[in-house]
């Protein structure tokens, strides 16, 4: 007779049922999801864009920068209608009896005149057209060169990638300002040459950024799937990898406009940028600085207004660029 309270279990009976194997995802492990290019129903990208727009709209500094940029762009486009006078016309009453420029508030000249008896307000308005045109086109060209070279180097790697990145290092090794001045001196100074020079010396940063992004993306599962499906290299780069580069391109592209505007102002200040009689803010700062040297800082408005225009433009693009970075990459920007 068995002792009371003792139960003997047969070793041949399995009281722990064996669950059948499952092919579904483990709920205890994070599911590896492809990024937006693999979204089958096409809803993830619009949702991300809407959330980025909401974050950007809630950033007051970014919205202030965008408002300033829009105002400057509208002023540049409407320069023929907003400028009260011809920016290059020397007025007989634009100087006083001693041959000195008129100060701000003079009759017929709201911001005064320069040493050549030209209306300063008209030259500021027309200078916005030239400076913004150079900044936007030169930066767009630099972004195109940097994205193309960086994407090719990052995707193909090997000798091609090494050659492109060594070329990038060589360009970065040169002092940018001296390199730009040397290029302008070799060529004929003017607006097209300034655009070309800024593009040729400004693409390197974008190329390095895009190179690092593409190196991390080229081995992702969605790229391998596209390659297995027979997609060519060009299609993979343009249709599968390029959409993931929109955020860094937009952010650093907007910041690059400020750098291009400042670079143009520097070249014009050194006398190798926009040539007279064309009006640009950098050229106006250069002419104002020369006037101060002969007058003992007697005409401060010749430096104050164009310098403030350059500062305001660069500041606005920096505000917008920082806001775009925070909106498009809220985690990485913290």
C-alpha atoms as a PDB file:
ATOM      1  CA  UNK A   1       0.000   0.000   0.000  1.00  0.00           C
ATOM      2  CA  UNK A   2       1.355   3.368  -0.993  1.00  0.00           C
ATOM      3  CA  UNK A   3       2.049   5.942   1.728  1.00  0.00           C
ATOM      4  CA  UNK A   4      -0.586   8.576   2.236  1.00  0.00           C
ATOM      5  CA  UNK A   5       0.012  11.799   0.287  1.00  0.00           C
ATOM      6  CA  UNK A   6       2.596  10.355  -2.100  1.00  0.00           C
ATOM      7  CA  UNK A   7       1.708  10.259  -5.771  1.00  0.00           C
ATOM      8  CA  UNK A   8       3.826   8.305  -8.226  1.00  0.00           C
ATOM      9  CA  UNK A   9       3.902   9.590 -11.817  1.00  0.00           C
ATOM     10  CA  UNK A  10       4.770   7.364 -14.705  1.00  0.00           C
ATOM     11  CA  UNK A  11       7.968   8.456 -16.407  1.00  0.00           C
ATOM     12  CA  UNK A  12       6.544   7.536 -19.797  1.00  0.00           C
ATOM     13  CA  UNK A  13       3.811  10.164 -19.705  1.00  0.00           C
ATOM     14  CA  UNK A  14       4.763  13.634 -21.003  1.00  0.00           C
ATOM     15  CA  UNK A  15       2.743  16.205 -19.078  1.00  0.00           C
ATOM     16  CA  UNK A  16       4.424  19.149 -20.891  1.00  0.00           C
ATOM     17  CA  UNK A  17       2.910  19.461 -24.368  1.00  0.00           C
ATOM     18  CA  UNK A  18       5.318  20.332 -27.157  1.00  0.00           C
ATOM     19  CA  UNK A  19       4.115  23.331 -29.154  1.00  0.00           C
ATOM     20  CA  UNK A  20       4.435  23.096 -32.929  1.00  0.00           C
ATOM     21  CA  UNK A  21       7.082  25.339 -34.465  1.00  0.00           C
ATOM     22  CA  UNK A  22       5.820  28.643 -35.753  1.00  0.00           C
ATOM     23  CA  UNK A  23       7.066  30.731 -38.636  1.00  0.00           C
ATOM     24  CA  UNK A  24       5.607  33.998 -37.387  1.00  0.00           C
ATOM     25  CA  UNK A  25       7.663  36.793 -35.793  1.00  0.00           C
ATOM     26  CA  UNK A  26       8.724  36.443 -32.198  1.00  0.00           C
ATOM     27  CA  UNK A  27       6.867  38.970 -30.107  1.00  0.00           C
ATOM     28  CA  UNK A  28       9.819  39.213 -27.745  1.00  0.00           C
ATOM     29  CA  UNK A  29      12.183  40.305 -30.503  1.00  0.00           C
ATOM     30  CA  UNK A  30      11.924  43.595 -32.379  1.00  0.00           C
ATOM     31  CA  UNK A  31      10.612  43.113 -35.847  1.00  0.00           C
ATOM     32  CA  UNK A  32      13.034  44.277 -38.505  1.00  0.00           C
ATOM     33  CA  UNK A  33      11.052  46.567 -40.729  1.00  0.00           C
ATOM     34  CA  UNK A  34      12.352  47.991 -43.959  1.00  0.00           C
ATOM     35  CA  UNK A  35      12.433  51.709 -44.299  1.00  0.00           C
ATOM     36  CA  UNK A  36      10.022  53.764 -46.307  1.00  0.00           C
ATOM     37  CA  UNK A  37      10.980  52.537 -49.763  1.00  0.00           C
ATOM     38  CA  UNK A  38       9.585  49.075 -48.912  1.00  0.00           C
ATOM     39  CA  UNK A  39       6.245  50.341 -47.691  1.00  0.00           C
ATOM     40  CA  UNK A  40       3.805  48.255 -49.756  1.00  0.00           C
ATOM     41  CA  UNK A  41       0.717  50.423 -49.458  1.00  0.00           C
ATOM     42  CA  UNK A  42       2.516  53.741 -49.890  1.00  0.00           C
ATOM     43  CA  UNK A  43       1.227  55.288 -46.665  1.00  0.00           C
ATOM     44  CA  UNK A  44       4.383  55.477 -44.559  1.00  0.00           C
ATOM     45  CA  UNK A  45       6.190  58.140 -46.568  1.00  0.00           C
ATOM     46  CA  UNK A  46       3.192  60.569 -46.614  1.00  0.00           C
ATOM     47  CA  UNK A  47       2.713  60.042 -42.878  1.00  0.00           C
ATOM     48  CA  UNK A  48       6.354  60.811 -42.186  1.00  0.00           C
ATOM     49  CA  UNK A  49       6.178  63.882 -44.363  1.00  0.00           C
ATOM     50  CA  UNK A  50       3.069  65.116 -42.582  1.00  0.00           C
ATOM     51  CA  UNK A  51       4.647  64.586 -39.170  1.00  0.00           C
ATOM     52  CA  UNK A  52       7.826  66.360 -40.317  1.00  0.00           C
ATOM     53  CA  UNK A  53       5.749  69.263 -41.610  1.00  0.00           C
ATOM     54  CA  UNK A  54       3.895  69.489 -38.298  1.00  0.00           C
ATOM     55  CA  UNK A  55       7.176  69.566 -36.391  1.00  0.00           C
ATOM     56  CA  UNK A  56       8.586  72.186 -38.742  1.00  0.00           C
ATOM     57  CA  UNK A  57       5.466  74.325 -38.503  1.00  0.00           C
ATOM     58  CA  UNK A  58       5.702  74.207 -34.718  1.00  0.00           C
ATOM     59  CA  UNK A  59       9.274  75.527 -34.779  1.00  0.00           C
ATOM     60  CA  UNK A  60       8.926  79.297 -34.491  1.00  0.00           C
ATOM     61  CA  UNK A  61      12.539  79.998 -35.342  1.00  0.00           C
ATOM     62  CA  UNK A  62      12.385  77.912 -38.517  1.00  0.00           C
ATOM     63  CA  UNK A  63       9.152  79.607 -39.547  1.00  0.00           C
ATOM     64  CA  UNK A  64      10.726  83.006 -38.922  1.00  0.00           C
ATOM     65  CA  UNK A  65      13.681  82.032 -41.111  1.00  0.00           C
ATOM     66  CA  UNK A  66      11.338  80.810 -43.857  1.00  0.00           C
ATOM     67  CA  UNK A  67       9.363  84.063 -43.695  1.00  0.00           C
ATOM     68  CA  UNK A  68      12.537  86.130 -44.042  1.00  0.00           C
ATOM     69  CA  UNK A  69      13.688  84.021 -46.999  1.00  0.00           C
ATOM     70  CA  UNK A  70      10.323  84.372 -48.726  1.00  0.00           C
ATOM     71  CA  UNK A  71      10.384  88.131 -48.173  1.00  0.00           C
ATOM     72  CA  UNK A  72      13.910  88.393 -49.606  1.00  0.00           C
ATOM     73  CA  UNK A  73      12.985  86.208 -52.580  1.00  0.00           C
ATOM     74  CA  UNK A  74       9.885  88.319 -53.273  1.00  0.00           C
ATOM     75  CA  UNK A  75      11.982  91.484 -53.061  1.00  0.00           C
ATOM     76  CA  UNK A  76      14.517  90.028 -55.492  1.00  0.00           C
ATOM     77  CA  UNK A  77      11.852  88.955 -57.984  1.00  0.00           C
ATOM     78  CA  UNK A  78      10.052  92.299 -57.801  1.00  0.00           C
ATOM     79  CA  UNK A  79      13.246  94.378 -57.913  1.00  0.00           C
ATOM     80  CA  UNK A  80      12.288  96.247 -61.128  1.00  0.00           C
ATOM     81  CA  UNK A  81       9.031  97.343 -59.498  1.00  0.00           C
ATOM     82  CA  UNK A  82      10.255  97.946 -55.934  1.00  0.00           C
ATOM     83  CA  UNK A  83      13.461  99.841 -56.620  1.00  0.00           C
ATOM     84  CA  UNK A  84      12.731 103.574 -56.636  1.00  0.00           C
ATOM     85  CA  UNK A  85      15.633 104.389 -58.982  1.00  0.00           C
ATOM     86  CA  UNK A  86      18.026 102.847 -61.451  1.00  0.00           C
ATOM     87  CA  UNK A  87      20.661 101.138 -59.265  1.00  0.00           C
ATOM     88  CA  UNK A  88      23.525 102.140 -61.566  1.00  0.00           C
ATOM     89  CA  UNK A  89      22.521 105.731 -62.343  1.00  0.00           C
ATOM     90  CA  UNK A  90      24.650 108.474 -60.699  1.00  0.00           C
ATOM     91  CA  UNK A  91      22.321 111.282 -59.697  1.00  0.00           C
ATOM     92  CA  UNK A  92      23.587 114.875 -59.961  1.00  0.00           C
ATOM     93  CA  UNK A  93      21.921 115.628 -56.615  1.00  0.00           C
ATOM     94  CA  UNK A  94      23.222 112.378 -55.068  1.00  0.00           C
ATOM     95  CA  UNK A  95      26.217 114.086 -53.491  1.00  0.00           C
ATOM     96  CA  UNK A  96      26.570 117.237 -51.471  1.00  0.00           C
ATOM     97  CA  UNK A  97      28.576 120.342 -52.316  1.00  0.00           C
ATOM     98  CA  UNK A  98      31.731 118.730 -50.974  1.00  0.00           C
ATOM     99  CA  UNK A  99      31.310 115.640 -53.177  1.00  0.00           C
ATOM    100  CA  UNK A 100      30.330 113.389 -50.271  1.00  0.00           C
ATOM    101  CA  UNK A 101      27.478 110.823 -50.365  1.00  0.00           C
ATOM    102  CA  UNK A 102      24.151 111.789 -48.854  1.00  0.00           C
ATOM    103  CA  UNK A 103      23.197 110.235 -45.492  1.00  0.00           C
ATOM    104  CA  UNK A 104      19.991 108.236 -44.926  1.00  0.00           C
ATOM    105  CA  UNK A 105      16.822 110.296 -44.850  1.00  0.00           C
ATOM    106  CA  UNK A 106      17.942 112.725 -47.528  1.00  0.00           C
ATOM    107  CA  UNK A 107      15.353 114.067 -49.926  1.00  0.00           C
ATOM    108  CA  UNK A 108      14.576 111.410 -52.546  1.00  0.00           C
ATOM    109  CA  UNK A 109      17.025 108.858 -51.065  1.00  0.00           C
ATOM    110  CA  UNK A 110      15.636 106.917 -48.120  1.00  0.00           C
ATOM    111  CA  UNK A 111      18.873 105.069 -47.290  1.00  0.00           C
ATOM    112  CA  UNK A 112      21.182 107.695 -48.720  1.00  0.00           C
ATOM    113  CA  UNK A 113      23.608 107.375 -51.599  1.00  0.00           C
ATOM    114  CA  UNK A 114      27.029 105.857 -52.146  1.00  0.00           C
ATOM    115  CA  UNK A 115      30.265 107.536 -53.207  1.00  0.00           C
ATOM    116  CA  UNK A 116      29.183 107.321 -56.864  1.00  0.00           C
ATOM    117  CA  UNK A 117      25.922 109.215 -56.143  1.00  0.00           C
ATOM    118  CA  UNK A 118      23.780 106.100 -56.692  1.00  0.00           C
ATOM    119  CA  UNK A 119      20.677 105.322 -54.640  1.00  0.00           C
ATOM    120  CA  UNK A 120      21.629 102.850 -51.899  1.00  0.00           C
ATOM    121  CA  UNK A 121      18.124 101.399 -51.449  1.00  0.00           C
ATOM    122  CA  UNK A 122      17.839 100.564 -55.150  1.00  0.00           C
ATOM    123  CA  UNK A 123      21.227  98.883 -55.097  1.00  0.00           C
ATOM    124  CA  UNK A 124      20.257  96.861 -52.024  1.00  0.00           C
ATOM    125  CA  UNK A 125      17.098  95.613 -53.721  1.00  0.00           C
ATOM    126  CA  UNK A 126      18.887  94.712 -56.939  1.00  0.00           C
ATOM    127  CA  UNK A 127      21.746  93.246 -54.936  1.00  0.00           C
ATOM    128  CA  UNK A 128      19.309  90.785 -53.374  1.00  0.00           C
ATOM    129  CA  UNK A 129      18.566  89.440 -56.849  1.00  0.00           C
ATOM    130  CA  UNK A 130      22.237  88.936 -57.683  1.00  0.00           C
ATOM    131  CA  UNK A 131      23.305  87.532 -54.299  1.00  0.00           C
ATOM    132  CA  UNK A 132      20.369  85.124 -53.950  1.00  0.00           C
ATOM    133  CA  UNK A 133      20.698  84.032 -57.566  1.00  0.00           C
ATOM    134  CA  UNK A 134      24.348  83.195 -57.065  1.00  0.00           C
ATOM    135  CA  UNK A 135      23.732  81.528 -53.705  1.00  0.00           C
ATOM    136  CA  UNK A 136      20.860  79.306 -54.855  1.00  0.00           C
ATOM    137  CA  UNK A 137      22.235  78.272 -58.260  1.00  0.00           C
ATOM    138  CA  UNK A 138      25.782  77.721 -57.013  1.00  0.00           C
ATOM    139  CA  UNK A 139      24.571  75.694 -54.064  1.00  0.00           C
ATOM    140  CA  UNK A 140      22.231  73.637 -56.271  1.00  0.00           C
ATOM    141  CA  UNK A 141      25.158  72.819 -58.560  1.00  0.00           C
ATOM    142  CA  UNK A 142      27.342  71.912 -55.572  1.00  0.00           C
ATOM    143  CA  UNK A 143      24.603  69.669 -54.153  1.00  0.00           C
ATOM    144  CA  UNK A 144      24.182  67.917 -57.519  1.00  0.00           C
ATOM    145  CA  UNK A 145      27.921  67.280 -57.846  1.00  0.00           C
ATOM    146  CA  UNK A 146      28.257  66.142 -54.233  1.00  0.00           C
ATOM    147  CA  UNK A 147      25.235  63.831 -54.312  1.00  0.00           C
ATOM    148  CA  UNK A 148      26.274  62.263 -57.620  1.00  0.00           C
ATOM    149  CA  UNK A 149      29.887  61.630 -56.661  1.00  0.00           C
ATOM    150  CA  UNK A 150      29.067  60.574 -53.107  1.00  0.00           C
ATOM    151  CA  UNK A 151      26.343  58.145 -54.222  1.00  0.00           C
ATOM    152  CA  UNK A 152      28.544  56.572 -56.909  1.00  0.00           C
ATOM    153  CA  UNK A 153      31.487  56.225 -54.523  1.00  0.00           C
ATOM    154  CA  UNK A 154      29.363  54.781 -51.744  1.00  0.00           C
ATOM    155  CA  UNK A 155      27.448  52.334 -53.930  1.00  0.00           C
ATOM    156  CA  UNK A 156      30.259  50.913 -56.050  1.00  0.00           C
ATOM    157  CA  UNK A 157      33.069  51.184 -53.527  1.00  0.00           C
ATOM    158  CA  UNK A 158      36.366  49.598 -54.500  1.00  0.00           C
ATOM    159  CA  UNK A 159      38.691  51.527 -56.773  1.00  0.00           C
ATOM    160  CA  UNK A 160      35.924  53.854 -57.973  1.00  0.00           C
ATOM    161  CA  UNK A 161      34.952  54.826 -54.455  1.00  0.00           C
ATOM    162  CA  UNK A 162      38.572  55.226 -53.374  1.00  0.00           C
ATOM    163  CA  UNK A 163      39.417  57.491 -56.316  1.00  0.00           C
ATOM    164  CA  UNK A 164      36.375  59.721 -55.773  1.00  0.00           C
ATOM    165  CA  UNK A 165      36.972  60.054 -52.048  1.00  0.00           C
ATOM    166  CA  UNK A 166      40.676  60.785 -52.545  1.00  0.00           C
ATOM    167  CA  UNK A 167      39.687  63.519 -54.980  1.00  0.00           C
ATOM    168  CA  UNK A 168      37.378  64.847 -52.284  1.00  0.00           C
ATOM    169  CA  UNK A 169      40.231  64.835 -49.779  1.00  0.00           C
ATOM    170  CA  UNK A 170      42.476  66.696 -52.227  1.00  0.00           C
ATOM    171  CA  UNK A 171      39.887  69.445 -52.749  1.00  0.00           C
ATOM    172  CA  UNK A 172      39.316  69.664 -49.003  1.00  0.00           C
ATOM    173  CA  UNK A 173      43.063  70.022 -48.434  1.00  0.00           C
ATOM    174  CA  UNK A 174      43.122  73.347 -50.294  1.00  0.00           C
ATOM    175  CA  UNK A 175      42.140  76.509 -48.397  1.00  0.00           C
ATOM    176  CA  UNK A 176      38.691  77.148 -49.824  1.00  0.00           C
ATOM    177  CA  UNK A 177      38.975  80.925 -50.036  1.00  0.00           C
ATOM    178  CA  UNK A 178      42.425  80.914 -51.641  1.00  0.00           C
ATOM    179  CA  UNK A 179      41.337  78.176 -54.036  1.00  0.00           C
ATOM    180  CA  UNK A 180      38.274  80.204 -55.038  1.00  0.00           C
ATOM    181  CA  UNK A 181      40.287  83.393 -55.512  1.00  0.00           C
ATOM    182  CA  UNK A 182      42.831  81.531 -57.662  1.00  0.00           C
ATOM    183  CA  UNK A 183      40.080  80.087 -59.868  1.00  0.00           C
ATOM    184  CA  UNK A 184      38.446  83.475 -60.328  1.00  0.00           C
ATOM    185  CA  UNK A 185      41.781  85.055 -61.201  1.00  0.00           C
ATOM    186  CA  UNK A 186      42.428  82.401 -63.830  1.00  0.00           C
ATOM    187  CA  UNK A 187      38.969  82.901 -65.327  1.00  0.00           C
ATOM    188  CA  UNK A 188      37.170  86.168 -66.095  1.00  0.00           C
ATOM    189  CA  UNK A 189      35.389  87.565 -63.001  1.00  0.00           C
ATOM    190  CA  UNK A 190      31.624  87.777 -63.321  1.00  0.00           C
ATOM    191  CA  UNK A 191      28.399  86.220 -62.124  1.00  0.00           C
ATOM    192  CA  UNK A 192      28.693  82.939 -64.123  1.00  0.00           C
ATOM    193  CA  UNK A 193      32.306  82.486 -63.037  1.00  0.00           C
ATOM    194  CA  UNK A 194      31.437  83.124 -59.384  1.00  0.00           C
ATOM    195  CA  UNK A 195      28.665  80.506 -59.586  1.00  0.00           C
ATOM    196  CA  UNK A 196      31.065  77.994 -61.149  1.00  0.00           C
ATOM    197  CA  UNK A 197      33.794  78.644 -58.584  1.00  0.00           C
ATOM    198  CA  UNK A 198      31.463  78.319 -55.598  1.00  0.00           C
ATOM    199  CA  UNK A 199      30.071  75.056 -56.977  1.00  0.00           C
ATOM    200  CA  UNK A 200      33.560  73.636 -57.567  1.00  0.00           C
ATOM    201  CA  UNK A 201      34.773  74.340 -54.026  1.00  0.00           C
ATOM    202  CA  UNK A 202      31.561  73.569 -52.106  1.00  0.00           C
ATOM    203  CA  UNK A 203      30.564  70.036 -53.183  1.00  0.00           C
ATOM    204  CA  UNK A 204      32.990  68.139 -50.961  1.00  0.00           C
ATOM    205  CA  UNK A 205      31.001  68.227 -47.704  1.00  0.00           C
ATOM    206  CA  UNK A 206      27.867  66.948 -49.405  1.00  0.00           C
ATOM    207  CA  UNK A 207      29.845  64.177 -51.120  1.00  0.00           C
ATOM    208  CA  UNK A 208      31.224  62.904 -47.811  1.00  0.00           C
ATOM    209  CA  UNK A 209      27.806  62.961 -46.154  1.00  0.00           C
ATOM    210  CA  UNK A 210      26.116  61.112 -49.022  1.00  0.00           C
ATOM    211  CA  UNK A 211      28.993  58.627 -49.212  1.00  0.00           C
ATOM    212  CA  UNK A 212      28.501  57.630 -45.586  1.00  0.00           C
ATOM    213  CA  UNK A 213      24.740  57.310 -46.031  1.00  0.00           C
ATOM    214  CA  UNK A 214      24.988  55.143 -49.159  1.00  0.00           C
ATOM    215  CA  UNK A 215      27.599  52.839 -47.636  1.00  0.00           C
ATOM    216  CA  UNK A 216      25.128  52.067 -44.852  1.00  0.00           C
ATOM    217  CA  UNK A 217      22.224  51.569 -47.254  1.00  0.00           C
ATOM    218  CA  UNK A 218      23.731  49.449 -50.013  1.00  0.00           C
ATOM    219  CA  UNK A 219      23.663  46.246 -47.929  1.00  0.00           C
ATOM    220  CA  UNK A 220      20.140  46.692 -46.614  1.00  0.00           C
ATOM    221  CA  UNK A 221      17.626  43.892 -47.353  1.00  0.00           C
ATOM    222  CA  UNK A 222      15.506  46.003 -49.692  1.00  0.00           C
ATOM    223  CA  UNK A 223      18.568  46.742 -51.851  1.00  0.00           C
ATOM    224  CA  UNK A 224      19.461  43.049 -51.942  1.00  0.00           C
ATOM    225  CA  UNK A 225      15.889  42.222 -52.893  1.00  0.00           C
ATOM    226  CA  UNK A 226      15.900  44.759 -55.719  1.00  0.00           C
ATOM    227  CA  UNK A 227      19.223  43.391 -56.944  1.00  0.00           C
ATOM    228  CA  UNK A 228      17.888  39.810 -56.828  1.00  0.00           C
ATOM    229  CA  UNK A 229      14.815  40.916 -58.780  1.00  0.00           C
ATOM    230  CA  UNK A 230      17.066  42.038 -61.633  1.00  0.00           C
ATOM    231  CA  UNK A 231      17.105  45.787 -61.048  1.00  0.00           C
ATOM    232  CA  UNK A 232      20.094  47.568 -62.518  1.00  0.00           C
ATOM    233  CA  UNK A 233      22.515  49.718 -60.568  1.00  0.00           C
ATOM    234  CA  UNK A 234      21.052  52.978 -61.858  1.00  0.00           C
ATOM    235  CA  UNK A 235      17.529  51.927 -60.911  1.00  0.00           C
ATOM    236  CA  UNK A 236      18.648  50.835 -57.454  1.00  0.00           C
ATOM    237  CA  UNK A 237      20.404  54.155 -56.879  1.00  0.00           C
ATOM    238  CA  UNK A 238      17.551  56.333 -58.124  1.00  0.00           C
ATOM    239  CA  UNK A 239      14.504  54.362 -57.009  1.00  0.00           C
ATOM    240  CA  UNK A 240      15.614  52.626 -53.811  1.00  0.00           C
ATOM    241  CA  UNK A 241      18.553  54.519 -52.308  1.00  0.00           C
ATOM    242  CA  UNK A 242      17.979  58.121 -53.372  1.00  0.00           C
ATOM    243  CA  UNK A 243      14.601  58.456 -51.525  1.00  0.00           C
ATOM    244  CA  UNK A 244      16.448  57.798 -48.267  1.00  0.00           C
ATOM    245  CA  UNK A 245      18.838  60.664 -48.961  1.00  0.00           C
ATOM    246  CA  UNK A 246      16.159  63.352 -49.184  1.00  0.00           C
ATOM    247  CA  UNK A 247      16.505  64.419 -45.552  1.00  0.00           C
ATOM    248  CA  UNK A 248      20.276  65.098 -45.547  1.00  0.00           C
ATOM    249  CA  UNK A 249      20.067  66.692 -49.000  1.00  0.00           C
ATOM    250  CA  UNK A 250      17.318  69.095 -47.917  1.00  0.00           C
ATOM    251  CA  UNK A 251      18.951  69.970 -44.599  1.00  0.00           C
ATOM    252  CA  UNK A 252      22.508  70.481 -45.792  1.00  0.00           C
ATOM    253  CA  UNK A 253      21.295  72.015 -49.038  1.00  0.00           C
ATOM    254  CA  UNK A 254      19.451  74.753 -47.169  1.00  0.00           C
ATOM    255  CA  UNK A 255      22.473  75.396 -44.979  1.00  0.00           C
ATOM    256  CA  UNK A 256      24.660  75.468 -48.076  1.00  0.00           C
ATOM    257  CA  UNK A 257      22.757  78.421 -49.528  1.00  0.00           C
ATOM    258  CA  UNK A 258      23.875  80.539 -46.573  1.00  0.00           C
ATOM    259  CA  UNK A 259      27.473  79.443 -47.119  1.00  0.00           C
ATOM    260  CA  UNK A 260      27.258  80.250 -50.836  1.00  0.00           C
ATOM    261  CA  UNK A 261      25.837  83.726 -50.184  1.00  0.00           C
ATOM    262  CA  UNK A 262      28.592  84.414 -47.671  1.00  0.00           C
ATOM    263  CA  UNK A 263      31.234  83.064 -50.059  1.00  0.00           C
ATOM    264  CA  UNK A 264      29.978  85.324 -52.848  1.00  0.00           C
ATOM    265  CA  UNK A 265      30.083  88.300 -50.505  1.00  0.00           C
ATOM    266  CA  UNK A 266      33.658  87.433 -49.552  1.00  0.00           C
ATOM    267  CA  UNK A 267      34.798  87.117 -53.165  1.00  0.00           C
ATOM    268  CA  UNK A 268      33.110  90.390 -54.073  1.00  0.00           C
ATOM    269  CA  UNK A 269      34.623  92.079 -51.027  1.00  0.00           C
ATOM    270  CA  UNK A 270      38.064  90.970 -52.204  1.00  0.00           C
ATOM    271  CA  UNK A 271      37.333  92.468 -55.613  1.00  0.00           C
ATOM    272  CA  UNK A 272      37.282  89.155 -57.528  1.00  0.00           C
ATOM    273  CA  UNK A 273      33.549  88.486 -57.444  1.00  0.00           C
ATOM    274  CA  UNK A 274      30.718  90.420 -59.044  1.00  0.00           C
ATOM    275  CA  UNK A 275      32.194  93.282 -61.024  1.00  0.00           C
ATOM    276  CA  UNK A 276      30.866  96.837 -61.313  1.00  0.00           C
ATOM    277  CA  UNK A 277      28.442  98.222 -62.218  1.00  0.00           C
ATOM    278  CA  UNK A 278      26.428  95.137 -61.155  1.00  0.00           C
ATOM    279  CA  UNK A 279      25.071  95.467 -57.628  1.00  0.00           C
ATOM    280  CA  UNK A 280      25.677  92.703 -55.099  1.00  0.00           C
ATOM    281  CA  UNK A 281      25.794  92.910 -51.335  1.00  0.00           C
ATOM    282  CA  UNK A 282      29.409  91.772 -51.180  1.00  0.00           C
ATOM    283  CA  UNK A 283      30.440  94.356 -53.757  1.00  0.00           C
ATOM    284  CA  UNK A 284      28.587  97.040 -51.799  1.00  0.00           C
ATOM    285  CA  UNK A 285      30.434  96.056 -48.611  1.00  0.00           C
ATOM    286  CA  UNK A 286      33.715  96.255 -50.522  1.00  0.00           C
ATOM    287  CA  UNK A 287      32.915  99.730 -51.873  1.00  0.00           C
ATOM    288  CA  UNK A 288      31.715 100.855 -48.441  1.00  0.00           C
ATOM    289  CA  UNK A 289      34.914  99.633 -46.810  1.00  0.00           C
ATOM    290  CA  UNK A 290      37.009 101.550 -49.332  1.00  0.00           C
ATOM    291  CA  UNK A 291      34.976 104.675 -48.615  1.00  0.00           C
ATOM    292  CA  UNK A 292      35.565 104.286 -44.870  1.00  0.00           C
ATOM    293  CA  UNK A 293      39.280 104.100 -45.445  1.00  0.00           C
ATOM    294  CA  UNK A 294      39.343 107.492 -47.142  1.00  0.00           C
ATOM    295  CA  UNK A 295      36.889 109.204 -44.795  1.00  0.00           C
ATOM    296  CA  UNK A 296      37.847 107.819 -41.396  1.00  0.00           C
ATOM    297  CA  UNK A 297      34.577 105.893 -41.005  1.00  0.00           C
ATOM    298  CA  UNK A 298      32.519 108.892 -42.018  1.00  0.00           C
ATOM    299  CA  UNK A 299      29.932 106.951 -44.039  1.00  0.00           C
ATOM    300  CA  UNK A 300      28.807 104.075 -41.794  1.00  0.00           C
ATOM    301  CA  UNK A 301      25.573 103.471 -43.705  1.00  0.00           C
ATOM    302  CA  UNK A 302      27.570 102.250 -46.698  1.00  0.00           C
ATOM    303  CA  UNK A 303      28.731  99.295 -44.584  1.00  0.00           C
ATOM    304  CA  UNK A 304      25.763  98.897 -42.258  1.00  0.00           C
ATOM    305  CA  UNK A 305      22.968  98.209 -44.750  1.00  0.00           C
ATOM    306  CA  UNK A 306      24.637  95.702 -47.111  1.00  0.00           C
ATOM    307  CA  UNK A 307      26.322  93.998 -44.151  1.00  0.00           C
ATOM    308  CA  UNK A 308      22.961  93.684 -42.404  1.00  0.00           C
ATOM    309  CA  UNK A 309      21.456  92.226 -45.591  1.00  0.00           C
ATOM    310  CA  UNK A 310      24.159  89.535 -45.769  1.00  0.00           C
ATOM    311  CA  UNK A 311      23.797  88.775 -42.062  1.00  0.00           C
ATOM    312  CA  UNK A 312      19.997  88.540 -42.262  1.00  0.00           C
ATOM    313  CA  UNK A 313      20.107  86.186 -45.254  1.00  0.00           C
ATOM    314  CA  UNK A 314      22.694  83.858 -43.734  1.00  0.00           C
ATOM    315  CA  UNK A 315      20.882  83.899 -40.392  1.00  0.00           C
ATOM    316  CA  UNK A 316      17.521  83.074 -42.011  1.00  0.00           C
ATOM    317  CA  UNK A 317      18.895  80.119 -43.981  1.00  0.00           C
ATOM    318  CA  UNK A 318      20.635  78.797 -40.864  1.00  0.00           C
ATOM    319  CA  UNK A 319      17.392  78.999 -38.894  1.00  0.00           C
ATOM    320  CA  UNK A 320      15.512  77.159 -41.624  1.00  0.00           C
ATOM    321  CA  UNK A 321      18.248  74.550 -41.982  1.00  0.00           C
ATOM    322  CA  UNK A 322      18.301  73.826 -38.257  1.00  0.00           C
ATOM    323  CA  UNK A 323      14.511  73.560 -38.235  1.00  0.00           C
ATOM    324  CA  UNK A 324      14.523  71.147 -41.176  1.00  0.00           C
ATOM    325  CA  UNK A 325      17.123  68.998 -39.449  1.00  0.00           C
ATOM    326  CA  UNK A 326      15.064  68.813 -36.273  1.00  0.00           C
ATOM    327  CA  UNK A 327      11.860  68.091 -38.225  1.00  0.00           C
ATOM    328  CA  UNK A 328      13.264  65.403 -40.522  1.00  0.00           C
ATOM    329  CA  UNK A 329      15.452  63.710 -37.912  1.00  0.00           C
ATOM    330  CA  UNK A 330      13.884  64.385 -34.490  1.00  0.00           C
ATOM    331  CA  UNK A 331      15.898  61.598 -32.807  1.00  0.00           C
ATOM    332  CA  UNK A 332      19.312  62.250 -34.290  1.00  0.00           C
ATOM    333  CA  UNK A 333      19.130  65.990 -33.727  1.00  0.00           C
ATOM    334  CA  UNK A 334      18.751  65.698 -29.968  1.00  0.00           C
END
